[in-house]
Amino acid sequence: MNALDFTTSILASSVRAWRGSTAFSRGAKQPEKLLELYDIEGCPYCRLVREVLSELDVDAMIYPCPKGGMRFRPTALDISGVSQFPLLVDPNTGDAIVESADIIAHLYKYYGGGKVPGTKGFGRQVAVASSMLATAYRSVGRARGMYAKNAEAPTQPLELYSFESSPYSRPVRELLCELEIPYRLRNFAKSRWQEMGPPQVRAKFFPDAPISSPNRIRLSELTGRSQVPYLVDMNTGVGMFESTDILAYLQQTYGR
C-alpha cells in the first residue's frame, strides 16, 4: 500500500468518525444462518450497513457487485427486482431488503437487542453525506472498490478477518470487490479498550487482557495473533496477514 492509498484510507475512516471500529455487542444476538450481503465496497450506502455489521459483531457472506460486474449482479436483480445495492438476504427471517436504512433497522431489530436507532432525519443525512465524502477520498487517483476487473472465480469463497474502519483492511476489501471474489466477512471490531491501538502496543502493555470477540478468539487460536487483515483461501490452503502481501496474492492468484 503506497502513501496515497494509506492516507486516503485514513481520511475515509476519519470522516466517518471511525464508525465500525468498536463492537457494541451487549444484548446482540448472533444469527443462526449466515447473512448474505450483495455489496459494492466503495458505495456510500453499503458502507453504512457494513459499519453496523461490524459494530454488532455479525458476520456476513459478501457477494461483491461492482459496476460492470456480471458474477453476482444478475442474482441480486433476480432476488430484489431492482439493480440497487446494498441488498441484504436474511435466511433466518426470509427477508430480502434493499435501502440501507431499512437494512440497518432490520439488523438492530433482530441482532442488536431489539432497540432500533433512528435511521431517518438529520442524523441520517449527516451519515450519508460523510459516507459520500469517504468515497470521494477513496476516489483520489482512481475509484477504488467500485468497478469490476477481469478475474478468475475461486471454487470456494474466501474468508477475511476485518473491521470496517481498518485502514489496512479496506484496500483488501476493495480489491476483493473489484475481482468479484465472494468471501465470508469475519468481523473483528474491538470490544474492550485494551484492544485499541496497533497489535505491538497491545502485546506490550496488555498481554494478558481477555479476548471476548468470537472472531478474535478464533484468529488467536489459529495464528497466535490478533491482527487484521487476515485472509484465508481454502482453495489454495493459504492464510496470510499484511495488506500489501494479500493484495499481491489476490492479483497473482485471481487477477487476469
C-alpha atoms as a PDB file:
ATOM      1  CA  MET A   1       0.000   0.000   0.000  1.00  0.00           C
ATOM      2  CA  ASN A   2       1.529   3.303  -1.071  1.00  0.00           C
ATOM      3  CA  ALA A   3       1.412   6.576   0.877  1.00  0.00           C
ATOM      4  CA  LEU A   4      -1.552   7.997  -1.068  1.00  0.00           C
ATOM      5  CA  ASP A   5      -3.551   4.820  -0.595  1.00  0.00           C
ATOM      6  CA  PHE A   6      -2.887   4.761   3.144  1.00  0.00           C
ATOM      7  CA  THR A   7      -3.589   8.479   3.582  1.00  0.00           C
ATOM      8  CA  THR A   8      -6.938   8.383   1.784  1.00  0.00           C
ATOM      9  CA  SER A   9      -7.910   5.259   3.724  1.00  0.00           C
ATOM     10  CA  ILE A  10      -7.183   7.071   6.997  1.00  0.00           C
ATOM     11  CA  LEU A  11      -9.219  10.051   5.793  1.00  0.00           C
ATOM     12  CA  ALA A  12     -12.137   7.807   4.814  1.00  0.00           C
ATOM     13  CA  SER A  13     -12.220   6.316   8.321  1.00  0.00           C
ATOM     14  CA  SER A  14     -11.778   9.709   9.972  1.00  0.00           C
ATOM     15  CA  VAL A  15     -14.619  11.422   8.144  1.00  0.00           C
ATOM     16  CA  ARG A  16     -16.905   8.631   9.378  1.00  0.00           C
ATOM     17  CA  ALA A  17     -15.609   9.170  12.937  1.00  0.00           C
ATOM     18  CA  TRP A  18     -14.128   5.650  12.854  1.00  0.00           C
ATOM     19  CA  ARG A  19     -17.530   4.002  12.834  1.00  0.00           C
ATOM     20  CA  GLY A  20     -17.180   0.251  12.593  1.00  0.00           C
ATOM     21  CA  SER A  21     -14.217   0.094  14.995  1.00  0.00           C
ATOM     22  CA  THR A  22     -15.948  -0.909  18.220  1.00  0.00           C
ATOM     23  CA  ALA A  23     -18.353  -3.780  18.800  1.00  0.00           C
ATOM     24  CA  PHE A  24     -21.407  -2.758  20.808  1.00  0.00           C
ATOM     25  CA  SER A  25     -22.458  -6.343  21.308  1.00  0.00           C
ATOM     26  CA  ARG A  26     -24.267  -6.134  24.674  1.00  0.00           C
ATOM     27  CA  GLY A  27     -27.699  -7.647  24.052  1.00  0.00           C
ATOM     28  CA  ALA A  28     -26.727  -8.581  20.496  1.00  0.00           C
ATOM     29  CA  LYS A  29     -27.829 -11.897  19.066  1.00  0.00           C
ATOM     30  CA  GLN A  30     -25.891 -13.873  16.500  1.00  0.00           C
ATOM     31  CA  PRO A  31     -27.929 -15.182  13.562  1.00  0.00           C
ATOM     32  CA  GLU A  32     -28.108 -18.963  13.251  1.00  0.00           C
ATOM     33  CA  LYS A  33     -27.656 -18.825   9.471  1.00  0.00           C
ATOM     34  CA  LEU A  34     -25.084 -16.609   7.807  1.00  0.00           C
ATOM     35  CA  LEU A  35     -26.407 -13.320   6.454  1.00  0.00           C
ATOM     36  CA  GLU A  36     -25.799 -12.543   2.792  1.00  0.00           C
ATOM     37  CA  LEU A  37     -24.891  -9.058   1.630  1.00  0.00           C
ATOM     38  CA  TYR A  38     -24.777  -8.077  -2.039  1.00  0.00           C
ATOM     39  CA  ASP A  39     -22.374  -5.196  -1.765  1.00  0.00           C
ATOM     40  CA  ILE A  40     -20.234  -2.606  -3.522  1.00  0.00           C
ATOM     41  CA  GLU A  41     -17.272  -1.785  -1.280  1.00  0.00           C
ATOM     42  CA  GLY A  42     -16.982   1.832  -2.443  1.00  0.00           C
ATOM     43  CA  CYS A  43     -20.721   2.563  -2.282  1.00  0.00           C
ATOM     44  CA  PRO A  44     -21.577   5.115   0.471  1.00  0.00           C
ATOM     45  CA  TYR A  45     -24.817   3.327   1.355  1.00  0.00           C
ATOM     46  CA  CYS A  46     -23.177  -0.099   1.531  1.00  0.00           C
ATOM     47  CA  ARG A  47     -20.568   1.335   3.915  1.00  0.00           C
ATOM     48  CA  LEU A  48     -23.268   2.318   6.401  1.00  0.00           C
ATOM     49  CA  VAL A  49     -24.561  -1.258   6.506  1.00  0.00           C
ATOM     50  CA  ARG A  50     -21.092  -2.773   6.891  1.00  0.00           C
ATOM     51  CA  GLU A  51     -20.385  -0.414   9.798  1.00  0.00           C
ATOM     52  CA  VAL A  52     -23.402  -1.779  11.651  1.00  0.00           C
ATOM     53  CA  LEU A  53     -22.440  -5.379  10.901  1.00  0.00           C
ATOM     54  CA  SER A  54     -19.027  -4.624  12.368  1.00  0.00           C
ATOM     55  CA  GLU A  55     -20.439  -2.922  15.460  1.00  0.00           C
ATOM     56  CA  LEU A  56     -22.909  -5.750  16.098  1.00  0.00           C
ATOM     57  CA  ASP A  57     -20.067  -8.250  15.576  1.00  0.00           C
ATOM     58  CA  VAL A  58     -22.149 -10.098  12.981  1.00  0.00           C
ATOM     59  CA  ASP A  59     -20.529 -11.986  10.122  1.00  0.00           C
ATOM     60  CA  ALA A  60     -21.884 -11.990   6.570  1.00  0.00           C
ATOM     61  CA  MET A  61     -21.211 -13.654   3.264  1.00  0.00           C
ATOM     62  CA  ILE A  62     -20.259 -10.852   0.908  1.00  0.00           C
ATOM     63  CA  TYR A  63     -21.214 -11.112  -2.749  1.00  0.00           C
ATOM     64  CA  PRO A  64     -19.378  -8.253  -4.494  1.00  0.00           C
ATOM     65  CA  CYS A  65     -21.422  -6.444  -7.153  1.00  0.00           C
ATOM     66  CA  PRO A  66     -19.124  -3.776  -8.640  1.00  0.00           C
ATOM     67  CA  LYS A  67     -20.272  -1.730 -11.595  1.00  0.00           C
ATOM     68  CA  GLY A  68     -19.773  -3.732 -14.772  1.00  0.00           C
ATOM     69  CA  GLY A  69     -19.651  -6.991 -12.838  1.00  0.00           C
ATOM     70  CA  MET A  70     -21.700  -9.967 -14.026  1.00  0.00           C
ATOM     71  CA  ARG A  71     -20.947 -12.596 -11.392  1.00  0.00           C
ATOM     72  CA  PHE A  72     -23.486 -11.653  -8.712  1.00  0.00           C
ATOM     73  CA  ARG A  73     -25.382  -8.619 -10.016  1.00  0.00           C
ATOM     74  CA  PRO A  74     -27.841 -10.763 -12.037  1.00  0.00           C
ATOM     75  CA  THR A  75     -28.604 -12.843  -8.930  1.00  0.00           C
ATOM     76  CA  ALA A  76     -29.227  -9.700  -6.912  1.00  0.00           C
ATOM     77  CA  LEU A  77     -31.577  -8.427  -9.617  1.00  0.00           C
ATOM     78  CA  ASP A  78     -33.474 -11.724  -9.597  1.00  0.00           C
ATOM     79  CA  ILE A  79     -33.863 -11.521  -5.808  1.00  0.00           C
ATOM     80  CA  SER A  80     -34.922  -7.904  -5.398  1.00  0.00           C
ATOM     81  CA  GLY A  81     -36.244  -6.972  -8.836  1.00  0.00           C
ATOM     82  CA  VAL A  82     -34.116  -3.817  -8.853  1.00  0.00           C
ATOM     83  CA  SER A  83     -30.466  -3.132  -9.583  1.00  0.00           C
ATOM     84  CA  GLN A  84     -29.837  -1.463  -6.235  1.00  0.00           C
ATOM     85  CA  PHE A  85     -27.249  -2.001  -3.534  1.00  0.00           C
ATOM     86  CA  PRO A  86     -26.819  -2.880  -0.761  1.00  0.00           C
ATOM     87  CA  LEU A  87     -29.125  -5.904  -0.736  1.00  0.00           C
ATOM     88  CA  LEU A  88     -29.372  -7.973   2.425  1.00  0.00           C
ATOM     89  CA  VAL A  89     -30.701 -11.517   2.323  1.00  0.00           C
ATOM     90  CA  ASP A  90     -31.517 -12.913   5.754  1.00  0.00           C
ATOM     91  CA  PRO A  91     -32.215 -16.669   5.605  1.00  0.00           C
ATOM     92  CA  ASN A  92     -33.173 -16.583   9.287  1.00  0.00           C
ATOM     93  CA  THR A  93     -36.224 -14.382   8.687  1.00  0.00           C
ATOM     94  CA  GLY A  94     -36.809 -14.926   4.971  1.00  0.00           C
ATOM     95  CA  ASP A  95     -36.317 -11.229   4.230  1.00  0.00           C
ATOM     96  CA  ALA A  96     -34.589  -9.671   1.250  1.00  0.00           C
ATOM     97  CA  ILE A  97     -34.102  -5.937   1.839  1.00  0.00           C
ATOM     98  CA  VAL A  98     -32.793  -3.024  -0.184  1.00  0.00           C
ATOM     99  CA  GLU A  99     -32.373   0.515   1.169  1.00  0.00           C
ATOM    100  CA  SER A 100     -29.566   0.843   3.681  1.00  0.00           C
ATOM    101  CA  ALA A 101     -31.777   2.488   6.335  1.00  0.00           C
ATOM    102  CA  ASP A 102     -34.204  -0.437   6.210  1.00  0.00           C
ATOM    103  CA  ILE A 103     -31.357  -2.943   6.355  1.00  0.00           C
ATOM    104  CA  ILE A 104     -29.859  -1.202   9.400  1.00  0.00           C
ATOM    105  CA  ALA A 105     -33.245  -1.192  11.129  1.00  0.00           C
ATOM    106  CA  HIS A 106     -33.582  -4.927  10.399  1.00  0.00           C
ATOM    107  CA  LEU A 107     -30.123  -5.695  11.781  1.00  0.00           C
ATOM    108  CA  TYR A 108     -30.795  -3.850  15.027  1.00  0.00           C
ATOM    109  CA  LYS A 109     -34.276  -5.304  15.384  1.00  0.00           C
ATOM    110  CA  TYR A 110     -33.178  -8.935  15.095  1.00  0.00           C
ATOM    111  CA  TYR A 111     -29.494  -8.895  16.098  1.00  0.00           C
ATOM    112  CA  GLY A 112     -28.959  -5.698  18.085  1.00  0.00           C
ATOM    113  CA  GLY A 113     -31.083  -6.406  21.107  1.00  0.00           C
ATOM    114  CA  GLY A 114     -34.261  -5.094  19.538  1.00  0.00           C
ATOM    115  CA  LYS A 115     -33.524  -1.394  20.041  1.00  0.00           C
ATOM    116  CA  VAL A 116     -33.564   0.270  16.636  1.00  0.00           C
ATOM    117  CA  PRO A 117     -31.690   3.612  16.446  1.00  0.00           C
ATOM    118  CA  GLY A 118     -33.031   6.451  14.372  1.00  0.00           C
ATOM    119  CA  THR A 119     -32.410   5.803  10.690  1.00  0.00           C
ATOM    120  CA  LYS A 120     -34.121   8.922   9.305  1.00  0.00           C
ATOM    121  CA  GLY A 121     -33.874  12.677   9.671  1.00  0.00           C
ATOM    122  CA  PHE A 122     -30.839  14.904  10.147  1.00  0.00           C
ATOM    123  CA  GLY A 123     -28.620  12.168  11.604  1.00  0.00           C
ATOM    124  CA  ARG A 124     -29.229  10.049   8.542  1.00  0.00           C
ATOM    125  CA  GLN A 125     -28.385  12.961   6.252  1.00  0.00           C
ATOM    126  CA  VAL A 126     -25.085  13.535   8.059  1.00  0.00           C
ATOM    127  CA  ALA A 127     -24.231   9.830   7.874  1.00  0.00           C
ATOM    128  CA  VAL A 128     -24.926   9.656   4.141  1.00  0.00           C
ATOM    129  CA  ALA A 129     -23.017  12.881   3.423  1.00  0.00           C
ATOM    130  CA  SER A 130     -19.949  11.801   5.400  1.00  0.00           C
ATOM    131  CA  SER A 131     -20.022   8.355   3.789  1.00  0.00           C
ATOM    132  CA  MET A 132     -20.121  10.026   0.367  1.00  0.00           C
ATOM    133  CA  LEU A 133     -17.102  12.091   1.408  1.00  0.00           C
ATOM    134  CA  ALA A 134     -15.316   8.885   2.448  1.00  0.00           C
ATOM    135  CA  THR A 135     -15.994   7.508  -1.033  1.00  0.00           C
ATOM    136  CA  ALA A 136     -14.658  10.720  -2.553  1.00  0.00           C
ATOM    137  CA  TYR A 137     -11.423  10.389  -0.573  1.00  0.00           C
ATOM    138  CA  ARG A 138     -11.029   6.814  -1.856  1.00  0.00           C
ATOM    139  CA  SER A 139     -11.615   8.021  -5.405  1.00  0.00           C
ATOM    140  CA  VAL A 140      -8.498  10.216  -5.440  1.00  0.00           C
ATOM    141  CA  GLY A 141      -6.387   8.803  -8.243  1.00  0.00           C
ATOM    142  CA  ARG A 142      -8.973   6.111  -9.088  1.00  0.00           C
ATOM    143  CA  ALA A 143     -12.358   4.938  -7.826  1.00  0.00           C
ATOM    144  CA  ARG A 144     -11.456   2.076  -5.507  1.00  0.00           C
ATOM    145  CA  GLY A 145     -13.870  -0.752  -4.854  1.00  0.00           C
ATOM    146  CA  MET A 146     -16.390   0.405  -7.477  1.00  0.00           C
ATOM    147  CA  TYR A 147     -15.649  -1.135 -10.882  1.00  0.00           C
ATOM    148  CA  ALA A 148     -15.161  -4.756 -11.940  1.00  0.00           C
ATOM    149  CA  LYS A 149     -11.876  -6.141 -13.205  1.00  0.00           C
ATOM    150  CA  ASN A 150     -11.311  -9.336 -15.166  1.00  0.00           C
ATOM    151  CA  ALA A 151     -10.643 -12.138 -12.703  1.00  0.00           C
ATOM    152  CA  GLU A 152     -10.775 -15.877 -12.182  1.00  0.00           C
ATOM    153  CA  ALA A 153     -13.552 -17.103  -9.919  1.00  0.00           C
ATOM    154  CA  PRO A 154     -12.478 -19.178  -6.896  1.00  0.00           C
ATOM    155  CA  THR A 155     -14.159 -22.543  -6.389  1.00  0.00           C
ATOM    156  CA  GLN A 156     -14.877 -21.753  -2.735  1.00  0.00           C
ATOM    157  CA  PRO A 157     -15.431 -18.356  -1.117  1.00  0.00           C
ATOM    158  CA  LEU A 158     -12.519 -16.834   0.801  1.00  0.00           C
ATOM    159  CA  GLU A 159     -12.549 -15.618   4.402  1.00  0.00           C
ATOM    160  CA  LEU A 160     -11.430 -12.184   5.559  1.00  0.00           C
ATOM    161  CA  TYR A 161     -10.915 -11.083   9.154  1.00  0.00           C
ATOM    162  CA  SER A 162     -11.553  -7.347   9.101  1.00  0.00           C
ATOM    163  CA  PHE A 163     -13.384  -4.461  10.725  1.00  0.00           C
ATOM    164  CA  GLU A 164     -14.993  -1.733   8.704  1.00  0.00           C
ATOM    165  CA  SER A 165     -12.835   1.253   9.677  1.00  0.00           C
ATOM    166  CA  SER A 166      -9.491  -0.562   9.488  1.00  0.00           C
ATOM    167  CA  PRO A 167      -7.381   1.459   7.009  1.00  0.00           C
ATOM    168  CA  TYR A 168      -5.323  -1.641   6.244  1.00  0.00           C
ATOM    169  CA  SER A 169      -8.316  -3.932   5.661  1.00  0.00           C
ATOM    170  CA  ARG A 170     -10.158  -1.524   3.368  1.00  0.00           C
ATOM    171  CA  PRO A 171      -7.845  -1.913   0.327  1.00  0.00           C
ATOM    172  CA  VAL A 172      -8.191  -5.698   0.586  1.00  0.00           C
ATOM    173  CA  ARG A 173     -11.989  -5.493   0.623  1.00  0.00           C
ATOM    174  CA  GLU A 174     -11.862  -3.073  -2.320  1.00  0.00           C
ATOM    175  CA  LEU A 175      -9.799  -5.478  -4.419  1.00  0.00           C
ATOM    176  CA  LEU A 176     -12.000  -8.438  -3.493  1.00  0.00           C
ATOM    177  CA  CYS A 177     -14.929  -6.369  -4.720  1.00  0.00           C
ATOM    178  CA  GLU A 178     -13.233  -5.380  -7.966  1.00  0.00           C
ATOM    179  CA  LEU A 179     -12.285  -9.008  -8.652  1.00  0.00           C
ATOM    180  CA  GLU A 180     -15.840 -10.142  -7.740  1.00  0.00           C
ATOM    181  CA  ILE A 181     -14.492 -12.674  -5.251  1.00  0.00           C
ATOM    182  CA  PRO A 182     -17.078 -13.796  -2.679  1.00  0.00           C
ATOM    183  CA  TYR A 183     -15.873 -14.013   0.886  1.00  0.00           C
ATOM    184  CA  ARG A 184     -17.049 -14.557   4.404  1.00  0.00           C
ATOM    185  CA  LEU A 185     -16.518 -11.338   6.302  1.00  0.00           C
ATOM    186  CA  ARG A 186     -15.423 -12.235   9.827  1.00  0.00           C
ATOM    187  CA  ASN A 187     -15.936  -9.008  11.702  1.00  0.00           C
ATOM    188  CA  PHE A 188     -13.177  -8.118  14.127  1.00  0.00           C
ATOM    189  CA  ALA A 189     -14.315  -4.931  15.848  1.00  0.00           C
ATOM    190  CA  LYS A 190     -12.790  -4.089  19.220  1.00  0.00           C
ATOM    191  CA  SER A 191     -14.929  -4.838  22.253  1.00  0.00           C
ATOM    192  CA  ARG A 192     -12.505  -3.680  25.016  1.00  0.00           C
ATOM    193  CA  TRP A 193     -10.421  -0.540  25.398  1.00  0.00           C
ATOM    194  CA  GLN A 194      -7.297  -2.694  25.850  1.00  0.00           C
ATOM    195  CA  GLU A 195      -7.730  -3.839  22.251  1.00  0.00           C
ATOM    196  CA  MET A 196      -7.347  -0.331  20.861  1.00  0.00           C
ATOM    197  CA  GLY A 197      -4.181   0.638  19.043  1.00  0.00           C
ATOM    198  CA  PRO A 198      -1.622  -1.318  16.993  1.00  0.00           C
ATOM    199  CA  PRO A 199      -1.005  -5.025  17.769  1.00  0.00           C
ATOM    200  CA  GLN A 200       2.520  -4.366  19.061  1.00  0.00           C
ATOM    201  CA  VAL A 201       1.174  -1.851  21.612  1.00  0.00           C
ATOM    202  CA  ARG A 202      -1.455  -4.285  22.857  1.00  0.00           C
ATOM    203  CA  ALA A 203       1.116  -7.062  23.101  1.00  0.00           C
ATOM    204  CA  LYS A 204       3.487  -4.868  25.134  1.00  0.00           C
ATOM    205  CA  PHE A 205       1.091  -3.227  27.583  1.00  0.00           C
ATOM    206  CA  PHE A 206      -1.892  -5.600  27.740  1.00  0.00           C
ATOM    207  CA  PRO A 207      -0.534  -9.099  27.018  1.00  0.00           C
ATOM    208  CA  ASP A 208      -2.987 -10.752  29.417  1.00  0.00           C
ATOM    209  CA  ALA A 209      -6.097  -8.759  28.519  1.00  0.00           C
ATOM    210  CA  PRO A 210      -9.016 -11.154  27.948  1.00  0.00           C
ATOM    211  CA  ILE A 211     -10.367 -11.602  24.429  1.00  0.00           C
ATOM    212  CA  SER A 212     -14.148 -11.520  24.141  1.00  0.00           C
ATOM    213  CA  SER A 213     -14.952 -11.369  20.415  1.00  0.00           C
ATOM    214  CA  PRO A 214     -15.592 -14.833  18.884  1.00  0.00           C
ATOM    215  CA  ASN A 215     -13.578 -13.985  15.791  1.00  0.00           C
ATOM    216  CA  ARG A 216     -10.719 -12.549  17.864  1.00  0.00           C
ATOM    217  CA  ILE A 217     -10.637 -15.772  19.872  1.00  0.00           C
ATOM    218  CA  ARG A 218     -10.809 -17.806  16.676  1.00  0.00           C
ATOM    219  CA  LEU A 219      -7.935 -15.944  14.994  1.00  0.00           C
ATOM    220  CA  SER A 220      -5.797 -16.012  18.142  1.00  0.00           C
ATOM    221  CA  GLU A 221      -6.212 -19.780  18.371  1.00  0.00           C
ATOM    222  CA  LEU A 222      -5.498 -20.150  14.660  1.00  0.00           C
ATOM    223  CA  THR A 223      -2.441 -17.904  14.371  1.00  0.00           C
ATOM    224  CA  GLY A 224      -1.437 -16.739  17.841  1.00  0.00           C
ATOM    225  CA  ARG A 225      -2.013 -13.148  16.715  1.00  0.00           C
ATOM    226  CA  SER A 226      -4.825 -10.602  16.908  1.00  0.00           C
ATOM    227  CA  GLN A 227      -4.342  -8.520  13.805  1.00  0.00           C
ATOM    228  CA  VAL A 228      -6.200  -7.634  10.618  1.00  0.00           C
ATOM    229  CA  PRO A 229      -6.482  -8.032   7.768  1.00  0.00           C
ATOM    230  CA  TYR A 230      -6.087 -11.797   7.724  1.00  0.00           C
ATOM    231  CA  LEU A 231      -7.080 -13.683   4.589  1.00  0.00           C
ATOM    232  CA  VAL A 232      -7.901 -17.376   4.414  1.00  0.00           C
ATOM    233  CA  ASP A 233      -8.107 -19.028   0.994  1.00  0.00           C
ATOM    234  CA  MET A 234      -9.317 -22.601   1.310  1.00  0.00           C
ATOM    235  CA  ASN A 235      -8.804 -23.074  -2.424  1.00  0.00           C
ATOM    236  CA  THR A 236      -5.025 -22.892  -2.038  1.00  0.00           C
ATOM    237  CA  GLY A 237      -4.538 -23.528   1.680  1.00  0.00           C
ATOM    238  CA  VAL A 238      -3.156 -20.020   2.172  1.00  0.00           C
ATOM    239  CA  GLY A 239      -3.599 -17.950   5.322  1.00  0.00           C
ATOM    240  CA  MET A 240      -1.823 -14.608   5.433  1.00  0.00           C
ATOM    241  CA  PHE A 241      -1.504 -11.239   7.203  1.00  0.00           C
ATOM    242  CA  GLU A 242      -0.333  -7.844   5.874  1.00  0.00           C
ATOM    243  CA  SER A 243      -2.461  -5.949   3.375  1.00  0.00           C
ATOM    244  CA  THR A 244       0.361  -5.449   0.860  1.00  0.00           C
ATOM    245  CA  ASP A 245       1.059  -9.185   0.724  1.00  0.00           C
ATOM    246  CA  ILE A 246      -2.642 -10.019   0.493  1.00  0.00           C
ATOM    247  CA  LEU A 247      -3.179  -7.572  -2.373  1.00  0.00           C
ATOM    248  CA  ALA A 248      -0.263  -9.071  -4.289  1.00  0.00           C
ATOM    249  CA  TYR A 249      -1.552 -12.590  -3.642  1.00  0.00           C
ATOM    250  CA  LEU A 250      -5.058 -11.793  -4.883  1.00  0.00           C
ATOM    251  CA  GLN A 251      -3.737 -10.186  -8.054  1.00  0.00           C
ATOM    252  CA  GLN A 252      -1.382 -13.069  -8.781  1.00  0.00           C
ATOM    253  CA  THR A 253      -3.902 -15.801  -7.986  1.00  0.00           C
ATOM    254  CA  TYR A 254      -7.158 -14.422  -9.384  1.00  0.00           C
ATOM    255  CA  GLY A 255      -6.358 -11.316 -11.449  1.00  0.00           C
ATOM    256  CA  ARG A 256      -6.061 -11.554 -15.200  1.00  0.00           C
END
